[in-house]
C-alpha cells in the first residue's frame, strides 16, 4: 500500500513538473518569436549598449582604451548601432555592468559573428533565458512548499502578467534584478529553515 502511494505521489509530482515545464517553454518560445516586434528601450540606447560593448571588448582584449568612455574607437563604425552617440558616456554607474556585458557578448556572438539574430534581438536574448530559468526555479520552490497546483497557478499568473511578459523582451535592468532578488529571497528562506552553505 505504501509503495502504491509513493508511486502515485511521484506521478503527481512529475505531472506538475511536466505542466510547469510546458508553461515555461511556451513563455520562452513566445518571447523569442516576438523579439523582432520590440526595439530598444530608451535607457538601452542611451547607455546599456555602449557600456556593454565597451566592457565586452575590454574583457576580450584587456586593453584599457575600452574603459576610456570619452574616446571614440574604430569599432563604433563597424557595428550595426553606433553606440558612441550615447550622451550618458560619463555615467557608467547608472547602468548594470554585468548584465550589459553579458547581453553585449551575446549580441557580438549571435549577431555579429554568426549572424543568427538581429543585433538588438541578440542583445535581449539573455534576459529572456534568465526569466525562463527564474520561472522554473520559482515554480520548483513554491511547489516544494505549497504543492503542485498552487505552484502551477502562481507560475501561470506570473507568466501571463503583461508587464513581465513585455519587460522580459527588453528591460535588461529590472528583470535581472527581479530574478536576483527573487532568488535571494528563496535562498534565504531555504537557509533559514536549514542553515548551511
N, C-alpha and C. Protein backbone atom coordinates (compact mmCIF):
# COMPACT_ATOMS: atom_id res chain seq x y z
N UNK A 1 0.82 -1.19 0.00
CA UNK A 1 0.00 0.00 0.00
C UNK A 1 0.87 1.26 0.00
N UNK A 2 1.92 1.26 0.85
CA UNK A 2 2.80 2.42 0.92
C UNK A 2 3.55 2.62 -0.38
N UNK A 3 3.89 1.50 -1.07
CA UNK A 3 4.61 1.60 -2.35
C UNK A 3 3.72 2.24 -3.39
N UNK A 4 2.43 1.83 -3.43
CA UNK A 4 1.49 2.40 -4.39
C UNK A 4 1.27 3.89 -4.13
N UNK A 5 1.19 4.28 -2.86
CA UNK A 5 1.02 5.68 -2.51
C UNK A 5 2.24 6.49 -2.94
N UNK A 6 3.42 5.91 -2.73
CA UNK A 6 4.66 6.57 -3.14
C UNK A 6 4.73 6.77 -4.64
N UNK A 7 4.28 5.74 -5.39
CA UNK A 7 4.29 5.86 -6.85
C UNK A 7 3.31 6.91 -7.33
N UNK A 8 2.12 6.95 -6.73
CA UNK A 8 1.13 7.93 -7.15
C UNK A 8 1.58 9.35 -6.80
N UNK A 9 2.27 9.51 -5.65
CA UNK A 9 2.81 10.82 -5.29
C UNK A 9 3.88 11.25 -6.28
N UNK A 10 4.74 10.30 -6.68
CA UNK A 10 5.80 10.61 -7.64
C UNK A 10 5.21 10.95 -9.00
N UNK A 11 4.15 10.23 -9.39
CA UNK A 11 3.48 10.50 -10.67
C UNK A 11 2.85 11.90 -10.66
N UNK A 12 2.20 12.25 -9.55
CA UNK A 12 1.61 13.59 -9.44
C UNK A 12 2.69 14.65 -9.47
N UNK A 13 3.79 14.39 -8.76
CA UNK A 13 4.92 15.33 -8.74
C UNK A 13 5.46 15.54 -10.15
N UNK A 14 5.64 14.46 -10.88
CA UNK A 14 6.16 14.54 -12.25
C UNK A 14 5.18 15.25 -13.18
N UNK A 15 3.88 15.02 -13.00
CA UNK A 15 2.91 15.67 -13.89
C UNK A 15 2.87 17.18 -13.65
N UNK A 16 3.02 17.62 -12.39
CA UNK A 16 3.09 19.06 -12.11
C UNK A 16 4.32 19.67 -12.77
N UNK A 17 5.43 18.95 -12.67
CA UNK A 17 6.66 19.44 -13.28
C UNK A 17 6.55 19.50 -14.80
N UNK A 18 5.90 18.52 -15.38
CA UNK A 18 5.73 18.50 -16.84
C UNK A 18 4.86 19.66 -17.30
N UNK A 19 3.77 19.92 -16.57
CA UNK A 19 2.90 21.05 -16.93
C UNK A 19 3.64 22.38 -16.75
N UNK A 20 4.42 22.51 -15.68
CA UNK A 20 5.18 23.74 -15.45
C UNK A 20 6.23 23.92 -16.53
N UNK A 21 6.89 22.85 -16.92
CA UNK A 21 7.88 22.93 -17.97
C UNK A 21 7.24 23.40 -19.28
N UNK A 22 6.05 22.91 -19.56
CA UNK A 22 5.32 23.33 -20.75
C UNK A 22 5.02 24.83 -20.70
N UNK A 23 4.60 25.32 -19.54
CA UNK A 23 4.31 26.76 -19.39
C UNK A 23 5.58 27.58 -19.62
N UNK A 24 6.69 27.15 -19.05
CA UNK A 24 7.95 27.89 -19.20
C UNK A 24 8.43 27.85 -20.65
N UNK A 25 8.32 26.70 -21.29
CA UNK A 25 8.74 26.58 -22.69
C UNK A 25 7.88 27.47 -23.59
N UNK A 26 6.57 27.48 -23.35
CA UNK A 26 5.67 28.34 -24.13
C UNK A 26 6.02 29.81 -23.89
N UNK A 27 6.32 30.16 -22.64
CA UNK A 27 6.72 31.53 -22.33
C UNK A 27 7.97 31.92 -23.11
N UNK A 28 9.01 31.09 -23.05
CA UNK A 28 10.26 31.39 -23.74
C UNK A 28 10.03 31.44 -25.25
N UNK A 29 9.27 30.49 -25.79
CA UNK A 29 9.01 30.47 -27.24
C UNK A 29 8.25 31.71 -27.68
N UNK A 30 7.28 32.14 -26.87
CA UNK A 30 6.53 33.35 -27.23
C UNK A 30 7.43 34.58 -27.16
N UNK A 31 8.37 34.58 -26.23
CA UNK A 31 9.31 35.70 -26.12
C UNK A 31 10.23 35.75 -27.33
N UNK A 32 10.83 34.63 -27.66
CA UNK A 32 11.79 34.59 -28.77
C UNK A 32 11.09 34.88 -30.10
N UNK A 33 9.89 34.34 -30.27
CA UNK A 33 9.19 34.54 -31.55
C UNK A 33 8.71 35.97 -31.75
N UNK A 34 8.61 36.74 -30.68
CA UNK A 34 8.15 38.12 -30.80
C UNK A 34 9.27 39.13 -30.56
N UNK A 35 10.50 38.68 -30.47
CA UNK A 35 11.62 39.58 -30.22
C UNK A 35 11.71 40.72 -31.23
N UNK A 36 11.49 40.41 -32.48
CA UNK A 36 11.64 41.43 -33.52
C UNK A 36 10.56 42.50 -33.45
N UNK A 37 9.52 42.28 -32.67
CA UNK A 37 8.46 43.28 -32.53
C UNK A 37 8.82 44.36 -31.52
N UNK A 38 9.89 44.15 -30.79
CA UNK A 38 10.32 45.10 -29.76
C UNK A 38 11.63 45.72 -30.20
N UNK A 39 11.78 46.99 -29.96
CA UNK A 39 13.03 47.68 -30.26
C UNK A 39 13.81 47.91 -28.99
N UNK A 40 14.56 48.98 -28.99
CA UNK A 40 15.34 49.34 -27.82
C UNK A 40 14.53 50.21 -26.87
N UNK A 41 14.71 49.98 -25.60
CA UNK A 41 14.16 50.90 -24.61
C UNK A 41 15.08 52.12 -24.57
N UNK A 42 14.58 53.24 -24.09
CA UNK A 42 15.37 54.48 -24.15
C UNK A 42 16.70 54.35 -23.41
N UNK A 43 16.70 53.69 -22.24
CA UNK A 43 17.95 53.60 -21.49
C UNK A 43 18.94 52.64 -22.12
N UNK A 44 18.44 51.67 -22.88
CA UNK A 44 19.35 50.77 -23.59
C UNK A 44 20.12 51.54 -24.66
N UNK A 45 19.40 52.34 -25.41
CA UNK A 45 20.04 53.14 -26.44
C UNK A 45 20.96 54.21 -25.88
N UNK A 46 20.64 54.70 -24.69
CA UNK A 46 21.45 55.76 -24.09
C UNK A 46 22.69 55.25 -23.37
N UNK A 47 22.71 53.99 -22.97
CA UNK A 47 23.88 53.56 -22.21
C UNK A 47 24.15 52.07 -22.16
N UNK A 48 23.11 51.25 -22.07
CA UNK A 48 23.34 49.81 -21.90
C UNK A 48 24.17 49.22 -23.03
N UNK A 49 23.83 49.56 -24.27
CA UNK A 49 24.59 49.04 -25.41
C UNK A 49 26.03 49.55 -25.39
N UNK A 50 26.18 50.84 -25.14
CA UNK A 50 27.52 51.44 -25.15
C UNK A 50 28.43 50.78 -24.12
N UNK A 51 27.98 50.75 -22.86
CA UNK A 51 28.83 50.19 -21.81
C UNK A 51 28.99 48.68 -21.97
N UNK A 52 27.94 48.00 -22.40
CA UNK A 52 28.04 46.57 -22.62
C UNK A 52 29.09 46.22 -23.66
N UNK A 53 29.07 46.97 -24.78
CA UNK A 53 30.08 46.71 -25.81
C UNK A 53 31.48 47.03 -25.32
N UNK A 54 31.62 48.15 -24.64
CA UNK A 54 32.95 48.54 -24.15
C UNK A 54 33.49 47.49 -23.17
N UNK A 55 32.66 47.04 -22.23
CA UNK A 55 33.12 46.04 -21.27
C UNK A 55 33.44 44.72 -21.95
N UNK A 56 32.62 44.35 -22.93
CA UNK A 56 32.87 43.10 -23.65
C UNK A 56 34.21 43.15 -24.38
N UNK A 57 34.46 44.25 -25.07
CA UNK A 57 35.75 44.39 -25.75
C UNK A 57 36.90 44.38 -24.74
N UNK A 58 36.70 45.03 -23.60
CA UNK A 58 37.76 45.05 -22.59
C UNK A 58 38.07 43.64 -22.10
N UNK A 59 37.04 42.86 -21.77
CA UNK A 59 37.28 41.52 -21.24
C UNK A 59 37.85 40.58 -22.30
N UNK A 60 37.63 40.90 -23.56
CA UNK A 60 38.23 40.08 -24.62
C UNK A 60 39.70 40.42 -24.84
N UNK A 61 40.08 41.68 -24.66
CA UNK A 61 41.43 42.10 -25.01
C UNK A 61 42.26 42.59 -23.82
N UNK A 62 41.61 42.97 -22.74
CA UNK A 62 42.27 43.58 -21.57
C UNK A 62 43.01 44.86 -21.95
N UNK A 63 42.51 45.56 -22.97
CA UNK A 63 43.08 46.85 -23.37
C UNK A 63 42.28 47.96 -22.68
N UNK A 64 42.97 48.79 -21.94
CA UNK A 64 42.31 49.81 -21.14
C UNK A 64 41.65 50.91 -21.96
N UNK A 65 41.97 51.00 -23.24
CA UNK A 65 41.35 52.02 -24.08
C UNK A 65 39.83 51.85 -24.12
N UNK A 66 39.34 50.63 -23.94
CA UNK A 66 37.89 50.40 -23.97
C UNK A 66 37.19 50.94 -22.72
N UNK A 67 37.95 51.21 -21.68
CA UNK A 67 37.37 51.78 -20.47
C UNK A 67 37.48 53.30 -20.44
N UNK A 68 38.08 53.87 -21.47
CA UNK A 68 38.10 55.33 -21.63
C UNK A 68 36.85 55.71 -22.42
N UNK A 69 35.78 55.97 -21.71
CA UNK A 69 34.47 56.12 -22.34
C UNK A 69 34.32 57.40 -23.17
N UNK A 70 35.24 58.33 -23.03
CA UNK A 70 35.13 59.59 -23.79
C UNK A 70 35.78 59.49 -25.18
N UNK A 71 36.49 58.41 -25.42
CA UNK A 71 37.20 58.26 -26.69
C UNK A 71 36.38 57.41 -27.64
N UNK A 72 36.20 57.91 -28.87
CA UNK A 72 35.53 57.11 -29.90
C UNK A 72 36.56 56.16 -30.48
N UNK A 73 36.16 54.91 -30.63
CA UNK A 73 37.07 53.88 -31.13
C UNK A 73 36.62 53.43 -32.51
N UNK A 74 37.54 52.81 -33.24
CA UNK A 74 37.27 52.42 -34.63
C UNK A 74 36.10 51.45 -34.74
N UNK A 75 35.89 50.59 -33.75
CA UNK A 75 34.84 49.59 -33.88
C UNK A 75 33.45 50.21 -33.94
N UNK A 76 33.29 51.44 -33.46
CA UNK A 76 31.97 52.09 -33.47
C UNK A 76 31.43 52.23 -34.90
N UNK A 77 32.30 52.35 -35.87
CA UNK A 77 31.84 52.50 -37.25
C UNK A 77 31.51 51.16 -37.91
N UNK A 78 31.88 50.07 -37.28
CA UNK A 78 31.68 48.76 -37.92
C UNK A 78 30.50 47.99 -37.34
N UNK A 79 29.88 48.47 -36.28
CA UNK A 79 28.78 47.76 -35.67
C UNK A 79 27.45 48.26 -36.21
N UNK A 80 26.40 47.51 -35.99
CA UNK A 80 25.08 47.86 -36.52
C UNK A 80 24.55 49.15 -35.89
N UNK A 81 24.93 49.42 -34.67
CA UNK A 81 24.45 50.60 -33.96
C UNK A 81 25.67 51.36 -33.45
N UNK A 82 25.78 52.64 -33.80
CA UNK A 82 26.90 53.45 -33.32
C UNK A 82 26.57 53.90 -31.90
N UNK A 83 27.06 53.15 -30.95
CA UNK A 83 26.73 53.42 -29.55
C UNK A 83 27.52 54.58 -28.98
N UNK A 84 28.52 55.07 -29.70
CA UNK A 84 29.30 56.20 -29.20
C UNK A 84 28.45 57.47 -29.10
N UNK A 85 27.36 57.52 -29.80
CA UNK A 85 26.49 58.69 -29.78
C UNK A 85 25.79 58.87 -28.43
N UNK A 86 25.94 57.92 -27.53
CA UNK A 86 25.30 57.99 -26.22
C UNK A 86 25.72 59.24 -25.45
N UNK A 87 24.76 60.03 -24.97
CA UNK A 87 25.11 61.19 -24.15
C UNK A 87 25.41 60.81 -22.69
N UNK A 88 25.29 59.54 -22.34
CA UNK A 88 25.50 59.10 -20.97
C UNK A 88 26.86 58.41 -20.76
N UNK A 89 27.81 58.68 -21.65
CA UNK A 89 29.12 58.04 -21.55
C UNK A 89 29.83 58.33 -20.23
N UNK A 90 29.49 59.43 -19.59
CA UNK A 90 30.14 59.80 -18.32
C UNK A 90 29.46 59.21 -17.10
N UNK A 91 28.45 58.36 -17.29
CA UNK A 91 27.69 57.83 -16.17
C UNK A 91 27.65 56.30 -16.16
N UNK A 92 28.79 55.65 -16.13
CA UNK A 92 28.77 54.18 -16.17
C UNK A 92 28.10 53.55 -14.95
N UNK A 93 28.09 54.25 -13.85
CA UNK A 93 27.49 53.71 -12.62
C UNK A 93 25.97 53.67 -12.68
N UNK A 94 25.37 54.25 -13.70
CA UNK A 94 23.91 54.23 -13.82
C UNK A 94 23.41 53.01 -14.60
N UNK A 95 24.32 52.19 -15.08
CA UNK A 95 23.93 51.06 -15.91
C UNK A 95 24.53 49.77 -15.34
N UNK A 96 23.76 48.67 -15.38
CA UNK A 96 24.22 47.41 -14.77
C UNK A 96 25.33 46.75 -15.60
N UNK A 97 26.54 46.90 -15.17
CA UNK A 97 27.69 46.44 -15.94
C UNK A 97 27.69 44.96 -16.25
N UNK A 98 27.35 44.13 -15.27
CA UNK A 98 27.40 42.68 -15.51
C UNK A 98 26.43 42.26 -16.60
N UNK A 99 25.17 42.69 -16.47
CA UNK A 99 24.17 42.24 -17.44
C UNK A 99 24.37 42.91 -18.79
N UNK A 100 24.83 44.16 -18.80
CA UNK A 100 25.15 44.82 -20.08
C UNK A 100 26.25 44.06 -20.81
N UNK A 101 27.25 43.62 -20.06
CA UNK A 101 28.36 42.88 -20.67
C UNK A 101 27.89 41.54 -21.22
N UNK A 102 27.09 40.83 -20.44
CA UNK A 102 26.57 39.54 -20.90
C UNK A 102 25.70 39.71 -22.14
N UNK A 103 24.85 40.71 -22.14
CA UNK A 103 23.96 40.96 -23.29
C UNK A 103 24.76 41.36 -24.52
N UNK A 104 25.75 42.23 -24.33
CA UNK A 104 26.58 42.64 -25.47
C UNK A 104 27.42 41.47 -26.00
N UNK A 105 27.88 40.62 -25.11
CA UNK A 105 28.61 39.44 -25.55
C UNK A 105 27.74 38.53 -26.39
N UNK A 106 26.50 38.37 -25.97
CA UNK A 106 25.55 37.56 -26.75
C UNK A 106 25.29 38.22 -28.10
N UNK A 107 25.19 39.55 -28.11
CA UNK A 107 24.97 40.27 -29.36
C UNK A 107 26.16 40.08 -30.30
N UNK A 108 27.36 40.20 -29.77
CA UNK A 108 28.54 40.02 -30.62
C UNK A 108 28.61 38.62 -31.21
N UNK A 109 28.26 37.63 -30.38
CA UNK A 109 28.35 36.25 -30.84
C UNK A 109 27.23 35.90 -31.81
N UNK A 110 25.98 36.14 -31.42
CA UNK A 110 24.84 35.69 -32.22
C UNK A 110 24.52 36.59 -33.40
N UNK A 111 24.84 37.87 -33.30
CA UNK A 111 24.51 38.79 -34.40
C UNK A 111 25.72 39.07 -35.28
N UNK A 112 26.80 39.52 -34.66
CA UNK A 112 27.94 39.96 -35.46
C UNK A 112 28.79 38.81 -35.98
N UNK A 113 29.01 37.79 -35.15
CA UNK A 113 29.88 36.69 -35.59
C UNK A 113 29.11 35.64 -36.39
N UNK A 114 27.97 35.18 -35.86
CA UNK A 114 27.26 34.08 -36.52
C UNK A 114 26.10 34.55 -37.40
N UNK A 115 25.59 35.75 -37.17
CA UNK A 115 24.50 36.27 -37.99
C UNK A 115 23.16 35.58 -37.78
N UNK A 116 22.98 34.98 -36.63
CA UNK A 116 21.73 34.25 -36.36
C UNK A 116 20.57 35.18 -36.02
N UNK A 117 20.86 36.28 -35.37
CA UNK A 117 19.82 37.21 -34.92
C UNK A 117 20.21 38.63 -35.27
N UNK A 118 19.23 39.49 -35.29
CA UNK A 118 19.44 40.93 -35.37
C UNK A 118 20.20 41.35 -34.11
N UNK A 119 21.00 42.41 -34.19
CA UNK A 119 21.83 42.84 -33.06
C UNK A 119 20.99 43.15 -31.82
N UNK A 120 19.89 43.87 -31.99
CA UNK A 120 19.05 44.23 -30.84
C UNK A 120 18.39 42.98 -30.25
N UNK A 121 17.93 42.08 -31.10
CA UNK A 121 17.29 40.84 -30.61
C UNK A 121 18.29 39.99 -29.84
N UNK A 122 19.51 39.90 -30.36
CA UNK A 122 20.54 39.11 -29.67
C UNK A 122 20.91 39.76 -28.34
N UNK A 123 20.88 41.09 -28.27
CA UNK A 123 21.17 41.80 -27.03
C UNK A 123 20.13 41.47 -25.96
N UNK A 124 18.90 41.20 -26.38
CA UNK A 124 17.81 40.93 -25.44
C UNK A 124 17.66 39.46 -25.06
N UNK A 125 18.26 38.56 -25.80
CA UNK A 125 18.08 37.13 -25.56
C UNK A 125 18.48 36.67 -24.16
N UNK A 126 19.60 37.11 -23.58
CA UNK A 126 19.94 36.63 -22.23
C UNK A 126 18.87 36.94 -21.18
N UNK A 127 18.19 38.08 -21.31
CA UNK A 127 17.14 38.43 -20.34
C UNK A 127 15.98 37.45 -20.45
N UNK A 128 15.64 37.04 -21.65
CA UNK A 128 14.56 36.07 -21.84
C UNK A 128 14.95 34.73 -21.22
N UNK A 129 16.17 34.29 -21.48
CA UNK A 129 16.61 33.00 -20.93
C UNK A 129 16.69 33.04 -19.41
N UNK A 130 17.14 34.15 -18.86
CA UNK A 130 17.17 34.30 -17.40
C UNK A 130 15.77 34.26 -16.82
N UNK A 131 14.83 34.92 -17.48
CA UNK A 131 13.45 34.92 -17.00
C UNK A 131 12.89 33.51 -17.00
N UNK A 132 13.14 32.76 -18.06
CA UNK A 132 12.68 31.37 -18.12
C UNK A 132 13.28 30.53 -17.00
N UNK A 133 14.57 30.71 -16.74
CA UNK A 133 15.22 29.97 -15.66
C UNK A 133 14.63 30.36 -14.31
N UNK A 134 14.43 31.66 -14.11
CA UNK A 134 13.84 32.12 -12.85
C UNK A 134 12.44 31.53 -12.66
N UNK A 135 11.64 31.52 -13.72
CA UNK A 135 10.28 30.98 -13.61
C UNK A 135 10.30 29.51 -13.20
N UNK A 136 11.22 28.75 -13.77
CA UNK A 136 11.32 27.33 -13.42
C UNK A 136 11.72 27.15 -11.96
N UNK A 137 12.71 27.92 -11.51
CA UNK A 137 13.14 27.83 -10.11
C UNK A 137 12.05 28.31 -9.16
N UNK A 138 11.32 29.34 -9.57
CA UNK A 138 10.19 29.85 -8.79
C UNK A 138 9.14 28.76 -8.62
N UNK A 139 8.78 28.09 -9.73
CA UNK A 139 7.81 27.01 -9.64
C UNK A 139 8.29 25.92 -8.70
N UNK A 140 9.54 25.49 -8.87
CA UNK A 140 10.08 24.41 -8.04
C UNK A 140 10.08 24.78 -6.57
N UNK A 141 10.42 26.01 -6.26
CA UNK A 141 10.48 26.48 -4.88
C UNK A 141 9.07 26.50 -4.25
N UNK A 142 8.12 27.05 -4.99
CA UNK A 142 6.74 27.11 -4.47
C UNK A 142 6.14 25.71 -4.37
N UNK A 143 6.43 24.86 -5.33
CA UNK A 143 5.86 23.51 -5.33
C UNK A 143 6.29 22.70 -4.12
N UNK A 144 7.54 22.85 -3.71
CA UNK A 144 8.03 22.13 -2.54
C UNK A 144 7.35 22.61 -1.25
N UNK A 145 6.92 23.84 -1.23
CA UNK A 145 6.34 24.41 -0.02
C UNK A 145 4.82 24.40 0.01
N UNK A 146 4.18 24.61 -1.13
CA UNK A 146 2.72 24.77 -1.15
C UNK A 146 1.99 23.79 -2.04
N UNK A 147 2.74 22.94 -2.73
CA UNK A 147 2.09 21.93 -3.56
C UNK A 147 2.08 22.31 -5.04
N UNK A 148 1.81 21.31 -5.86
CA UNK A 148 1.88 21.46 -7.31
C UNK A 148 0.85 22.40 -7.90
N UNK A 149 -0.40 22.29 -7.46
CA UNK A 149 -1.46 23.13 -8.02
C UNK A 149 -1.20 24.61 -7.73
N UNK A 150 -0.86 24.91 -6.50
CA UNK A 150 -0.58 26.30 -6.14
C UNK A 150 0.61 26.84 -6.92
N UNK A 151 1.65 26.03 -7.05
CA UNK A 151 2.84 26.47 -7.78
C UNK A 151 2.53 26.69 -9.25
N UNK A 152 1.74 25.80 -9.84
CA UNK A 152 1.39 25.94 -11.25
C UNK A 152 0.53 27.19 -11.47
N UNK A 153 -0.43 27.42 -10.59
CA UNK A 153 -1.27 28.62 -10.71
C UNK A 153 -0.41 29.89 -10.56
N UNK A 154 0.52 29.89 -9.61
CA UNK A 154 1.40 31.04 -9.43
C UNK A 154 2.26 31.26 -10.67
N UNK A 155 2.73 30.18 -11.26
CA UNK A 155 3.55 30.27 -12.46
C UNK A 155 2.74 30.83 -13.63
N UNK A 156 1.52 30.34 -13.80
CA UNK A 156 0.67 30.82 -14.90
C UNK A 156 0.35 32.30 -14.70
N UNK A 157 0.06 32.70 -13.46
CA UNK A 157 -0.23 34.11 -13.21
C UNK A 157 1.00 34.98 -13.49
N UNK A 158 2.16 34.50 -13.12
CA UNK A 158 3.37 35.28 -13.34
C UNK A 158 3.71 35.37 -14.82
N UNK A 159 3.62 34.27 -15.54
CA UNK A 159 3.96 34.29 -16.97
C UNK A 159 2.94 35.06 -17.80
N UNK A 160 1.72 35.16 -17.33
CA UNK A 160 0.70 35.90 -18.08
C UNK A 160 0.57 37.35 -17.63
N UNK A 161 1.40 37.76 -16.68
CA UNK A 161 1.38 39.15 -16.22
C UNK A 161 1.93 40.02 -17.35
N UNK A 162 1.14 40.94 -17.90
CA UNK A 162 1.58 41.69 -19.09
C UNK A 162 2.90 42.43 -18.90
N UNK A 163 3.11 43.00 -17.73
CA UNK A 163 4.33 43.78 -17.52
C UNK A 163 5.57 42.87 -17.59
N UNK A 164 5.51 41.69 -16.95
CA UNK A 164 6.65 40.79 -17.00
C UNK A 164 6.86 40.28 -18.42
N UNK A 165 5.78 39.92 -19.10
CA UNK A 165 5.91 39.39 -20.45
C UNK A 165 6.56 40.42 -21.37
N UNK A 166 6.15 41.67 -21.27
CA UNK A 166 6.72 42.71 -22.13
C UNK A 166 8.14 43.07 -21.70
N UNK A 167 8.35 43.26 -20.40
CA UNK A 167 9.67 43.68 -19.92
C UNK A 167 10.75 42.63 -20.18
N UNK A 168 10.38 41.38 -20.21
CA UNK A 168 11.38 40.34 -20.46
C UNK A 168 11.97 40.45 -21.86
N UNK A 169 11.31 41.19 -22.74
CA UNK A 169 11.84 41.38 -24.09
C UNK A 169 12.99 42.38 -24.12
N UNK A 170 12.92 43.41 -23.29
CA UNK A 170 13.90 44.48 -23.47
C UNK A 170 14.37 45.17 -22.19
N UNK A 171 13.86 44.82 -21.05
CA UNK A 171 14.25 45.52 -19.84
C UNK A 171 15.40 44.77 -19.17
N UNK A 172 16.62 45.14 -19.55
CA UNK A 172 17.78 44.38 -19.08
C UNK A 172 18.28 44.86 -17.72
N UNK A 173 17.52 45.71 -17.06
CA UNK A 173 17.87 46.12 -15.70
C UNK A 173 16.87 45.55 -14.69
N UNK A 174 15.60 45.82 -14.88
CA UNK A 174 14.59 45.43 -13.89
C UNK A 174 14.35 43.93 -13.84
N UNK A 175 14.34 43.27 -14.98
CA UNK A 175 14.07 41.83 -14.99
C UNK A 175 15.20 41.03 -14.35
N UNK A 176 16.48 41.29 -14.69
CA UNK A 176 17.54 40.59 -13.94
C UNK A 176 17.54 40.92 -12.45
N UNK A 177 17.17 42.15 -12.10
CA UNK A 177 17.05 42.49 -10.67
C UNK A 177 15.95 41.67 -10.01
N UNK A 178 14.82 41.50 -10.71
CA UNK A 178 13.73 40.67 -10.19
C UNK A 178 14.22 39.25 -9.93
N UNK A 179 14.95 38.70 -10.89
CA UNK A 179 15.46 37.35 -10.74
C UNK A 179 16.46 37.28 -9.58
N UNK A 180 17.35 38.25 -9.49
CA UNK A 180 18.34 38.25 -8.41
C UNK A 180 17.67 38.34 -7.04
N UNK A 181 16.77 39.30 -6.88
CA UNK A 181 16.12 39.46 -5.57
C UNK A 181 15.21 38.28 -5.26
N UNK A 182 14.51 37.77 -6.27
CA UNK A 182 13.65 36.60 -6.05
C UNK A 182 14.45 35.38 -5.62
N UNK A 183 15.57 35.14 -6.30
CA UNK A 183 16.43 34.01 -5.93
C UNK A 183 17.07 34.22 -4.57
N UNK A 184 17.38 35.48 -4.24
CA UNK A 184 17.95 35.77 -2.92
C UNK A 184 16.94 35.46 -1.82
N UNK A 185 15.68 35.81 -2.03
CA UNK A 185 14.63 35.50 -1.04
C UNK A 185 14.47 34.00 -0.90
N UNK A 186 14.47 33.28 -2.02
CA UNK A 186 14.34 31.83 -1.97
C UNK A 186 15.52 31.20 -1.23
N UNK A 187 16.72 31.68 -1.52
CA UNK A 187 17.92 31.15 -0.86
C UNK A 187 17.89 31.44 0.63
N UNK A 188 17.46 32.64 1.00
CA UNK A 188 17.39 32.99 2.42
C UNK A 188 16.36 32.12 3.14
N UNK A 189 15.21 31.92 2.52
CA UNK A 189 14.18 31.09 3.15
C UNK A 189 14.68 29.65 3.32
N UNK A 190 15.39 29.16 2.32
CA UNK A 190 15.95 27.81 2.42
C UNK A 190 16.98 27.75 3.54
N UNK A 191 17.85 28.76 3.61
CA UNK A 191 18.87 28.80 4.65
C UNK A 191 18.23 28.94 6.03
N UNK A 192 17.19 29.75 6.14
CA UNK A 192 16.55 29.97 7.43
C UNK A 192 15.99 28.67 7.99
N UNK A 193 15.46 27.84 7.09
CA UNK A 193 14.89 26.56 7.53
C UNK A 193 15.99 25.56 7.87
N UNK A 194 17.07 25.58 7.08
CA UNK A 194 18.16 24.62 7.30
C UNK A 194 19.49 25.33 7.03
N UNK A 195 20.05 26.04 8.04
CA UNK A 195 21.28 26.80 7.82
C UNK A 195 22.44 25.92 7.34
N UNK A 196 22.99 26.30 6.21
CA UNK A 196 24.14 25.58 5.65
C UNK A 196 24.71 26.47 4.54
N UNK A 197 25.88 26.08 4.07
CA UNK A 197 26.45 26.81 2.94
C UNK A 197 25.60 26.61 1.71
